[in-house]
Amino acid sequence: MKKIRANIDRYLERLDDRWQALPVRKQRKYTMYFFVCYLLLTIGVVFKVYHDTGKSGQGMVIEHIENPILEQKNTAILQDSLQEVLKNKIYER
């Protein structure tokens, strides 16, 4: 685990050195591009949430959870197959 952490630290140091080697003008330009992309994503998500909540005319419906096993129409009796398996293994010796 320490080796992985050391590798990540070295990678981040190299990345930081490359960033520091860029001219300040390019750093500002890249920062502005990242900010604009982030802003567009944020606006898109806010619009999508606003659109989805505005479209839904009804509120949240809270109902009792029904047991799906009880709702089945199949009235087959469940059998305990464990006893049969154990009995069969006794005779297999």
C-alpha atoms as a PDB file:
ATOM      1  CA  MET A   1       0.000   0.000   0.000  1.00  0.00           C
ATOM      2  CA  LYS A   2       2.879   2.364   0.770  1.00  0.00           C
ATOM      3  CA  LYS A   3       4.376   1.665  -2.653  1.00  0.00           C
ATOM      4  CA  ILE A   4       1.132   2.610  -4.387  1.00  0.00           C
ATOM      5  CA  ARG A   5       0.889   5.790  -2.345  1.00  0.00           C
ATOM      6  CA  ALA A   6       4.517   6.672  -3.171  1.00  0.00           C
ATOM      7  CA  ASN A   7       3.858   6.119  -6.887  1.00  0.00           C
ATOM      8  CA  ILE A   8       0.796   8.343  -6.750  1.00  0.00           C
ATOM      9  CA  ASP A   9       2.739  11.035  -4.894  1.00  0.00           C
ATOM     10  CA  ARG A  10       5.533  10.949  -7.495  1.00  0.00           C
ATOM     11  CA  TYR A  11       3.000  11.157 -10.329  1.00  0.00           C
ATOM     12  CA  LEU A  12       1.273  14.139  -8.728  1.00  0.00           C
ATOM     13  CA  GLU A  13       4.626  15.865  -8.171  1.00  0.00           C
ATOM     14  CA  ARG A  14       5.532  15.425 -11.862  1.00  0.00           C
ATOM     15  CA  LEU A  15       2.100  16.721 -12.850  1.00  0.00           C
ATOM     16  CA  ASP A  16       2.533  19.749 -10.594  1.00  0.00           C
ATOM     17  CA  ASP A  17       5.989  20.415 -12.036  1.00  0.00           C
ATOM     18  CA  ARG A  18       4.564  20.333 -15.555  1.00  0.00           C
ATOM     19  CA  TRP A  19       1.796  22.737 -14.487  1.00  0.00           C
ATOM     20  CA  GLN A  20       4.294  25.122 -12.911  1.00  0.00           C
ATOM     21  CA  ALA A  21       6.420  24.997 -16.072  1.00  0.00           C
ATOM     22  CA  LEU A  22       3.545  26.381 -18.150  1.00  0.00           C
ATOM     23  CA  PRO A  23       3.423  30.130 -18.677  1.00  0.00           C
ATOM     24  CA  VAL A  24       0.981  31.990 -16.445  1.00  0.00           C
ATOM     25  CA  ARG A  25      -1.080  33.010 -19.472  1.00  0.00           C
ATOM     26  CA  LYS A  26      -1.664  29.354 -20.456  1.00  0.00           C
ATOM     27  CA  GLN A  27      -2.437  28.419 -16.857  1.00  0.00           C
ATOM     28  CA  ARG A  28      -5.135  31.095 -16.756  1.00  0.00           C
ATOM     29  CA  LYS A  29      -6.518  29.985 -20.124  1.00  0.00           C
ATOM     30  CA  TYR A  30      -6.745  26.330 -19.020  1.00  0.00           C
ATOM     31  CA  THR A  31      -8.283  27.345 -15.711  1.00  0.00           C
ATOM     32  CA  MET A  32     -10.876  29.427 -17.558  1.00  0.00           C
ATOM     33  CA  TYR A  33     -11.704  26.500 -19.890  1.00  0.00           C
ATOM     34  CA  PHE A  34     -12.176  24.145 -16.925  1.00  0.00           C
ATOM     35  CA  PHE A  35     -14.358  26.709 -15.156  1.00  0.00           C
ATOM     36  CA  VAL A  36     -16.545  27.270 -18.233  1.00  0.00           C
ATOM     37  CA  CYS A  37     -16.999  23.503 -18.677  1.00  0.00           C
ATOM     38  CA  TYR A  38     -17.898  23.161 -15.006  1.00  0.00           C
ATOM     39  CA  LEU A  39     -20.344  26.058 -15.258  1.00  0.00           C
ATOM     40  CA  LEU A  40     -22.038  24.564 -18.342  1.00  0.00           C
ATOM     41  CA  LEU A  41     -22.354  21.179 -16.629  1.00  0.00           C
ATOM     42  CA  THR A  42     -23.835  22.806 -13.534  1.00  0.00           C
ATOM     43  CA  ILE A  43     -26.342  24.802 -15.570  1.00  0.00           C
ATOM     44  CA  GLY A  44     -27.297  21.657 -17.505  1.00  0.00           C
ATOM     45  CA  VAL A  45     -27.887  19.641 -14.336  1.00  0.00           C
ATOM     46  CA  VAL A  46     -29.887  22.428 -12.678  1.00  0.00           C
ATOM     47  CA  PHE A  47     -32.028  22.813 -15.815  1.00  0.00           C
ATOM     48  CA  LYS A  48     -32.603  19.036 -16.004  1.00  0.00           C
ATOM     49  CA  VAL A  49     -33.666  18.860 -12.346  1.00  0.00           C
ATOM     50  CA  TYR A  50     -35.924  21.905 -12.775  1.00  0.00           C
ATOM     51  CA  HIS A  51     -37.469  20.426 -15.920  1.00  0.00           C
ATOM     52  CA  ASP A  52     -38.070  17.002 -14.361  1.00  0.00           C
ATOM     53  CA  THR A  53     -39.619  18.377 -11.171  1.00  0.00           C
ATOM     54  CA  GLY A  54     -41.773  20.859 -13.058  1.00  0.00           C
ATOM     55  CA  LYS A  55     -43.077  18.162 -15.403  1.00  0.00           C
ATOM     56  CA  SER A  56     -44.214  15.902 -12.594  1.00  0.00           C
ATOM     57  CA  GLY A  57     -47.658  17.060 -11.516  1.00  0.00           C
ATOM     58  CA  GLN A  58     -48.084  14.630  -8.677  1.00  0.00           C
ATOM     59  CA  GLY A  59     -46.176  14.449  -5.445  1.00  0.00           C
ATOM     60  CA  MET A  60     -44.337  11.514  -4.019  1.00  0.00           C
ATOM     61  CA  VAL A  61     -46.586   8.524  -3.437  1.00  0.00           C
ATOM     62  CA  ILE A  62     -45.821   6.589  -0.268  1.00  0.00           C
ATOM     63  CA  GLU A  63     -47.477   3.190   0.001  1.00  0.00           C
ATOM     64  CA  HIS A  64     -47.169   0.100   2.142  1.00  0.00           C
ATOM     65  CA  ILE A  65     -44.693  -2.453   0.786  1.00  0.00           C
ATOM     66  CA  GLU A  66     -46.417  -5.716  -0.074  1.00  0.00           C
ATOM     67  CA  ASN A  67     -44.707  -9.071   0.295  1.00  0.00           C
ATOM     68  CA  PRO A  68     -44.363 -10.483  -3.260  1.00  0.00           C
ATOM     69  CA  ILE A  69     -44.419 -14.082  -2.025  1.00  0.00           C
ATOM     70  CA  LEU A  70     -47.864 -13.637  -0.505  1.00  0.00           C
ATOM     71  CA  GLU A  71     -49.200 -12.156  -3.740  1.00  0.00           C
ATOM     72  CA  GLN A  72     -48.294 -15.231  -5.821  1.00  0.00           C
ATOM     73  CA  LYS A  73     -51.249 -17.320  -6.937  1.00  0.00           C
ATOM     74  CA  ASN A  74     -49.202 -20.527  -6.899  1.00  0.00           C
ATOM     75  CA  THR A  75     -50.339 -22.528  -3.869  1.00  0.00           C
ATOM     76  CA  ALA A  76     -47.671 -25.209  -4.099  1.00  0.00           C
ATOM     77  CA  ILE A  77     -46.503 -26.326  -0.688  1.00  0.00           C
ATOM     78  CA  LEU A  78     -42.837 -25.717  -0.084  1.00  0.00           C
ATOM     79  CA  GLN A  79     -41.072 -28.883   0.915  1.00  0.00           C
ATOM     80  CA  ASP A  80     -37.946 -29.212   2.964  1.00  0.00           C
ATOM     81  CA  SER A  81     -35.489 -30.784   0.550  1.00  0.00           C
ATOM     82  CA  LEU A  82     -32.661 -30.801   3.079  1.00  0.00           C
ATOM     83  CA  GLN A  83     -34.003 -33.894   4.838  1.00  0.00           C
ATOM     84  CA  GLU A  84     -34.261 -35.780   1.563  1.00  0.00           C
ATOM     85  CA  VAL A  85     -30.679 -34.938   0.633  1.00  0.00           C
ATOM     86  CA  LEU A  86     -29.377 -36.065   4.013  1.00  0.00           C
ATOM     87  CA  LYS A  87     -31.353 -39.300   3.842  1.00  0.00           C
ATOM     88  CA  ASN A  88     -30.007 -40.043   0.371  1.00  0.00           C
ATOM     89  CA  LYS A  89     -26.409 -39.436   1.471  1.00  0.00           C
ATOM     90  CA  ILE A  90     -26.786 -42.018   4.243  1.00  0.00           C
ATOM     91  CA  TYR A  91     -27.592 -44.678   1.659  1.00  0.00           C
ATOM     92  CA  GLU A  92     -24.796 -43.640  -0.692  1.00  0.00           C
ATOM     93  CA  ARG A  93     -22.012 -44.930   1.574  1.00  0.00           C
END
